[in-house]
N, C-alpha and C. Protein backbone atom coordinates (compact mmCIF):
# COMPACT_ATOMS: atom_id res chain seq x y z
N MET A 1 138.68 -85.84 -10.07
CA MET A 1 139.76 -85.39 -11.10
C MET A 1 139.59 -83.58 -10.29
N ALA A 2 138.44 -83.19 -10.21
CA ALA A 2 138.53 -82.11 -9.64
C ALA A 2 139.23 -81.78 -8.40
N HIS A 3 139.64 -80.75 -8.39
CA HIS A 3 140.52 -80.37 -7.13
C HIS A 3 139.83 -79.31 -6.23
N GLU A 4 139.98 -79.43 -5.15
CA GLU A 4 139.22 -78.74 -4.06
C GLU A 4 139.80 -77.05 -4.04
N GLY A 5 138.89 -76.14 -4.14
CA GLY A 5 139.11 -74.92 -4.04
C GLY A 5 139.78 -74.52 -5.40
N ARG A 6 140.63 -73.54 -4.96
CA ARG A 6 141.28 -73.09 -6.23
C ARG A 6 142.75 -72.88 -5.97
N ASP A 7 143.40 -73.70 -5.04
CA ASP A 7 144.64 -73.73 -4.59
C ASP A 7 145.47 -73.96 -6.01
N GLY A 8 146.38 -72.90 -6.45
CA GLY A 8 147.29 -72.98 -7.21
C GLY A 8 146.73 -72.24 -8.62
N CYS A 9 145.55 -71.84 -8.64
CA CYS A 9 144.71 -71.53 -9.68
C CYS A 9 145.04 -70.07 -9.58
N GLY A 10 145.54 -69.63 -11.00
CA GLY A 10 145.82 -67.94 -11.37
C GLY A 10 144.52 -67.40 -10.88
N GLY A 11 143.24 -68.10 -11.62
CA GLY A 11 141.87 -67.29 -11.15
C GLY A 11 141.74 -66.13 -11.84
N GLY A 12 142.48 -65.53 -12.25
CA GLY A 12 142.60 -63.99 -12.69
C GLY A 12 142.72 -64.01 -14.13
N SER A 13 142.02 -64.65 -15.01
CA SER A 13 142.06 -64.61 -16.36
C SER A 13 141.33 -63.55 -16.86
N ALA A 14 141.28 -63.23 -18.08
CA ALA A 14 140.31 -62.28 -18.95
C ALA A 14 138.73 -63.02 -18.89
N PHE A 15 138.63 -64.32 -18.75
CA PHE A 15 137.55 -64.82 -18.88
C PHE A 15 137.30 -65.66 -17.69
N ASP A 16 135.56 -65.70 -17.48
CA ASP A 16 135.00 -66.22 -16.38
C ASP A 16 134.97 -67.75 -16.43
N VAL A 17 136.23 -68.47 -16.21
CA VAL A 17 136.09 -69.80 -16.37
C VAL A 17 136.69 -70.16 -15.12
N ASP A 18 135.74 -70.73 -14.09
CA ASP A 18 136.47 -71.43 -12.84
C ASP A 18 136.95 -72.49 -13.03
N CYS A 19 137.51 -73.15 -12.22
CA CYS A 19 137.93 -74.41 -12.05
C CYS A 19 137.02 -75.49 -12.33
N ASP A 20 136.02 -75.35 -11.46
CA ASP A 20 134.56 -76.55 -11.88
C ASP A 20 133.96 -76.39 -13.15
N GLU A 21 133.99 -75.44 -13.53
CA GLU A 21 133.84 -75.20 -15.02
C GLU A 21 134.64 -75.82 -16.08
N ALA A 22 135.84 -75.82 -15.78
CA ALA A 22 136.88 -76.30 -16.68
C ALA A 22 137.19 -77.77 -17.01
N VAL A 23 137.01 -78.10 -15.41
CA VAL A 23 136.98 -79.53 -15.41
C VAL A 23 135.46 -80.49 -16.09
N ARG A 24 134.55 -79.56 -15.79
CA ARG A 24 133.15 -80.05 -16.45
C ARG A 24 133.37 -80.07 -18.04
N GLN A 25 133.89 -78.86 -18.66
CA GLN A 25 134.13 -78.54 -19.91
C GLN A 25 135.47 -79.61 -20.75
N LEU A 26 136.40 -80.23 -19.82
CA LEU A 26 137.44 -80.57 -20.06
C LEU A 26 137.25 -81.69 -21.07
N TYR A 27 136.20 -82.81 -21.13
CA TYR A 27 136.67 -83.79 -22.10
C TYR A 27 135.78 -83.24 -23.53
N HIS A 28 135.04 -82.05 -23.30
CA HIS A 28 134.53 -81.51 -24.59
C HIS A 28 135.63 -80.91 -25.49
N PHE A 29 136.54 -80.38 -24.49
CA PHE A 29 137.60 -79.57 -24.80
C PHE A 29 138.90 -80.45 -25.47
N LEU A 30 139.16 -81.46 -24.75
CA LEU A 30 139.85 -82.50 -25.34
C LEU A 30 139.23 -83.24 -26.71
N ASP A 31 138.06 -83.28 -26.97
CA ASP A 31 137.49 -83.94 -27.96
C ASP A 31 137.10 -82.86 -29.08
N GLY A 32 137.50 -81.48 -28.87
CA GLY A 32 137.37 -80.44 -29.92
C GLY A 32 135.84 -80.29 -30.00
N GLU A 33 135.02 -80.26 -29.22
CA GLU A 33 133.63 -80.08 -29.19
C GLU A 33 133.07 -78.84 -28.90
N LEU A 34 134.12 -77.97 -28.57
CA LEU A 34 133.74 -76.55 -28.07
C LEU A 34 133.65 -75.72 -29.43
N THR A 35 133.04 -74.53 -28.91
CA THR A 35 133.18 -73.34 -30.08
C THR A 35 134.51 -72.71 -29.72
N GLU A 36 135.10 -72.20 -30.88
CA GLU A 36 136.31 -71.72 -30.78
C GLU A 36 136.63 -70.61 -29.57
N GLU A 37 135.65 -69.68 -29.54
CA GLU A 37 135.71 -68.93 -28.34
C GLU A 37 135.84 -69.64 -27.19
N ARG A 38 134.87 -70.61 -26.56
CA ARG A 38 134.98 -71.37 -25.74
C ARG A 38 136.26 -72.17 -25.33
N ARG A 39 136.70 -72.71 -26.34
CA ARG A 39 137.97 -73.27 -26.43
C ARG A 39 138.86 -72.28 -25.82
N ARG A 40 138.95 -71.20 -26.53
CA ARG A 40 140.05 -70.08 -26.10
C ARG A 40 139.78 -69.72 -24.47
N GLU A 41 138.72 -69.69 -23.99
CA GLU A 41 138.34 -69.36 -22.67
C GLU A 41 139.03 -70.76 -21.81
N ILE A 42 138.71 -72.01 -22.27
CA ILE A 42 139.14 -73.24 -21.71
C ILE A 42 140.81 -73.30 -21.25
N ALA A 43 141.20 -72.71 -22.49
CA ALA A 43 142.52 -72.87 -22.73
C ALA A 43 143.45 -71.77 -21.96
N THR A 44 142.90 -70.96 -21.82
CA THR A 44 143.26 -69.52 -21.14
C THR A 44 143.28 -69.92 -19.49
N HIS A 45 142.31 -70.44 -19.07
CA HIS A 45 142.00 -71.04 -17.87
C HIS A 45 143.32 -72.20 -17.51
N LEU A 46 143.41 -73.09 -18.42
CA LEU A 46 144.29 -74.09 -18.14
C LEU A 46 145.85 -73.62 -18.11
N ASP A 47 146.25 -72.51 -18.96
CA ASP A 47 147.34 -71.76 -18.82
C ASP A 47 147.60 -71.10 -17.17
N ASP A 48 146.33 -70.69 -16.94
CA ASP A 48 146.71 -69.86 -15.43
C ASP A 48 146.48 -70.86 -14.35
N CYS A 49 146.12 -72.12 -14.57
CA CYS A 49 145.75 -73.00 -13.44
C CYS A 49 146.55 -74.24 -13.52
N GLY A 50 147.77 -74.01 -12.82
CA GLY A 50 148.33 -75.81 -12.77
C GLY A 50 147.75 -76.95 -12.46
N PRO A 51 146.70 -77.04 -11.44
CA PRO A 51 145.86 -78.27 -10.74
C PRO A 51 145.18 -78.70 -12.28
N CYS A 52 144.61 -77.63 -12.77
CA CYS A 52 143.31 -77.63 -13.79
C CYS A 52 144.54 -78.23 -15.04
N ALA A 53 145.50 -77.69 -15.54
CA ALA A 53 146.33 -78.14 -16.65
C ALA A 53 146.96 -79.63 -16.48
N ASP A 54 147.15 -79.64 -15.14
CA ASP A 54 147.73 -81.10 -14.79
C ASP A 54 146.49 -82.24 -15.08
N ALA A 55 145.32 -81.65 -14.67
CA ALA A 55 144.32 -82.60 -14.68
C ALA A 55 144.29 -82.95 -16.46
N ALA A 56 143.90 -82.12 -17.13
CA ALA A 56 144.00 -82.00 -18.69
C ALA A 56 145.13 -82.63 -19.08
N GLY A 57 146.34 -82.66 -18.86
CA GLY A 57 147.26 -83.31 -19.33
C GLY A 57 147.59 -84.92 -19.00
N PHE A 58 146.98 -85.45 -17.97
CA PHE A 58 146.53 -86.53 -17.35
C PHE A 58 145.64 -87.07 -18.30
N GLU A 59 144.52 -86.49 -18.44
CA GLU A 59 143.33 -86.98 -19.47
C GLU A 59 144.13 -87.04 -21.03
N ALA A 60 144.73 -86.36 -21.59
CA ALA A 60 144.81 -86.16 -22.70
C ALA A 60 146.19 -87.51 -22.83
N GLU A 61 147.15 -87.80 -21.92
CA GLU A 61 147.81 -88.72 -21.90
C GLU A 61 147.14 -90.08 -21.75
N LEU A 62 146.25 -90.04 -20.79
CA LEU A 62 145.56 -91.55 -20.68
C LEU A 62 144.75 -91.78 -21.90
N ARG A 63 144.24 -90.91 -22.87
CA ARG A 63 143.50 -91.58 -23.82
C ARG A 63 144.60 -91.85 -24.94
N VAL A 64 145.75 -91.54 -25.16
CA VAL A 64 146.87 -92.12 -25.60
C VAL A 64 147.02 -93.15 -25.47
N VAL A 65 147.17 -93.65 -24.28
CA VAL A 65 147.56 -94.98 -23.76
C VAL A 65 146.45 -95.79 -23.99
N ILE A 66 145.29 -95.32 -23.57
CA ILE A 66 144.15 -96.13 -24.18
C ILE A 66 144.21 -96.55 -25.75
N SER A 67 144.18 -95.38 -26.52
CA SER A 67 144.12 -95.57 -28.05
C SER A 67 145.24 -96.65 -28.29
N SER A 68 146.35 -96.36 -27.89
CA SER A 68 147.41 -97.16 -28.21
C SER A 68 147.39 -98.74 -27.92
N ARG A 69 146.49 -99.17 -27.10
CA ARG A 69 146.45 -100.49 -26.52
C ARG A 69 145.26 -101.10 -26.83
N CYS A 70 144.20 -100.37 -27.16
CA CYS A 70 143.13 -100.75 -27.33
C CYS A 70 142.65 -101.01 -28.69
N LYS A 71 142.97 -101.87 -29.47
CA LYS A 71 142.97 -102.04 -30.66
C LYS A 71 142.03 -102.96 -31.25
N ASP A 72 140.95 -103.79 -30.48
CA ASP A 72 140.13 -104.63 -30.86
C ASP A 72 139.26 -103.90 -31.93
N ARG A 73 138.69 -104.73 -32.58
CA ARG A 73 137.93 -103.92 -33.61
C ARG A 73 136.55 -104.93 -33.17
N VAL A 74 135.09 -104.17 -33.33
CA VAL A 74 134.15 -104.61 -32.82
C VAL A 74 133.75 -105.68 -34.53
N PRO A 75 132.94 -106.63 -34.18
CA PRO A 75 132.77 -107.59 -35.40
C PRO A 75 131.68 -106.86 -36.28
N ASP A 76 131.39 -107.08 -37.48
CA ASP A 76 130.55 -106.03 -38.29
C ASP A 76 129.12 -106.74 -38.01
N SER A 77 129.12 -108.09 -37.65
CA SER A 77 127.71 -108.57 -37.46
C SER A 77 126.95 -107.60 -36.12
N LEU A 78 127.88 -107.59 -35.09
CA LEU A 78 127.57 -106.88 -33.83
C LEU A 78 127.07 -105.53 -34.20
N ILE A 79 127.88 -104.70 -34.97
CA ILE A 79 127.60 -103.37 -35.28
C ILE A 79 126.07 -103.43 -36.18
N GLN A 80 125.85 -104.53 -36.90
CA GLN A 80 124.64 -104.51 -37.62
C GLN A 80 123.56 -104.80 -36.89
N ARG A 81 123.64 -105.71 -35.77
CA ARG A 81 122.41 -105.88 -34.98
C ARG A 81 122.12 -104.89 -33.86
N VAL A 82 123.08 -104.09 -33.61
CA VAL A 82 123.01 -102.57 -32.87
C VAL A 82 122.06 -102.06 -33.77
N ALA A 83 122.72 -101.63 -35.04
CA ALA A 83 121.81 -100.87 -35.88
C ALA A 83 120.70 -100.90 -36.14
N ALA A 84 120.30 -102.40 -36.07
CA ALA A 84 118.91 -102.97 -36.48
C ALA A 84 118.14 -102.83 -35.19
N ALA A 85 118.73 -103.07 -34.03
CA ALA A 85 117.93 -102.79 -32.97
C ALA A 85 117.42 -101.33 -32.65
N ILE A 86 118.26 -100.15 -33.07
CA ILE A 86 118.04 -99.12 -33.04
C ILE A 86 117.09 -98.59 -33.72
N ALA A 87 117.05 -99.17 -35.07
CA ALA A 87 116.26 -98.79 -35.87
C ALA A 87 114.80 -99.21 -35.76
N ALA A 88 114.80 -100.66 -35.18
CA ALA A 88 113.39 -101.24 -34.89
C ALA A 88 112.78 -100.37 -33.46
N GLU A 89 113.71 -99.62 -32.57
CA GLU A 89 113.32 -98.86 -31.38
C GLU A 89 112.83 -97.78 -32.08
N GLU A 90 113.40 -96.92 -32.88
CA GLU A 90 112.85 -95.58 -33.63
C GLU A 90 111.69 -95.93 -34.14
N ASP A 91 111.48 -97.06 -34.69
CA ASP A 91 110.06 -97.34 -35.41
C ASP A 91 109.13 -97.50 -34.53
N ARG A 92 109.48 -98.11 -33.11
CA ARG A 92 108.40 -98.38 -32.29
C ARG A 92 108.03 -96.83 -31.85
N GLN A 93 109.12 -96.08 -31.50
CA GLN A 93 108.72 -94.82 -30.68
C GLN A 93 107.62 -93.87 -32.06
N ARG A 94 108.19 -94.02 -33.01
CA ARG A 94 107.44 -93.35 -33.95
C ARG A 94 105.85 -94.03 -34.19
N SER A 95 105.58 -95.20 -34.27
CA SER A 95 104.26 -95.60 -34.23
C SER A 95 103.62 -95.25 -32.97
N ARG A 96 103.99 -95.14 -31.77
CA ARG A 96 103.24 -94.70 -30.59
C ARG A 96 103.00 -93.28 -30.54
N SER A 97 103.54 -92.35 -31.55
CA SER A 97 103.41 -91.05 -31.70
C SER A 97 102.01 -90.59 -32.50
């Protein structure tokens, strides 16, 4: 997904976010997991950089397609088995400490 170099990148934003950093933070950006300040920095880079904005747009659109087509529900029995396995592993870890 990352593009080579900074072709098409405005690069001169007020924030020091380069293309590599913007792409590294893209999933956190799309998931709303960044601080407001960091979100603004990434958004500013995306506004200034066509290739990174294209990558972000593609990822956002891909998420919409996947969420609209992947409607399978995990059975409750599987959820319970996974939760029990996690709890058992946590108990084992605590008993070793």
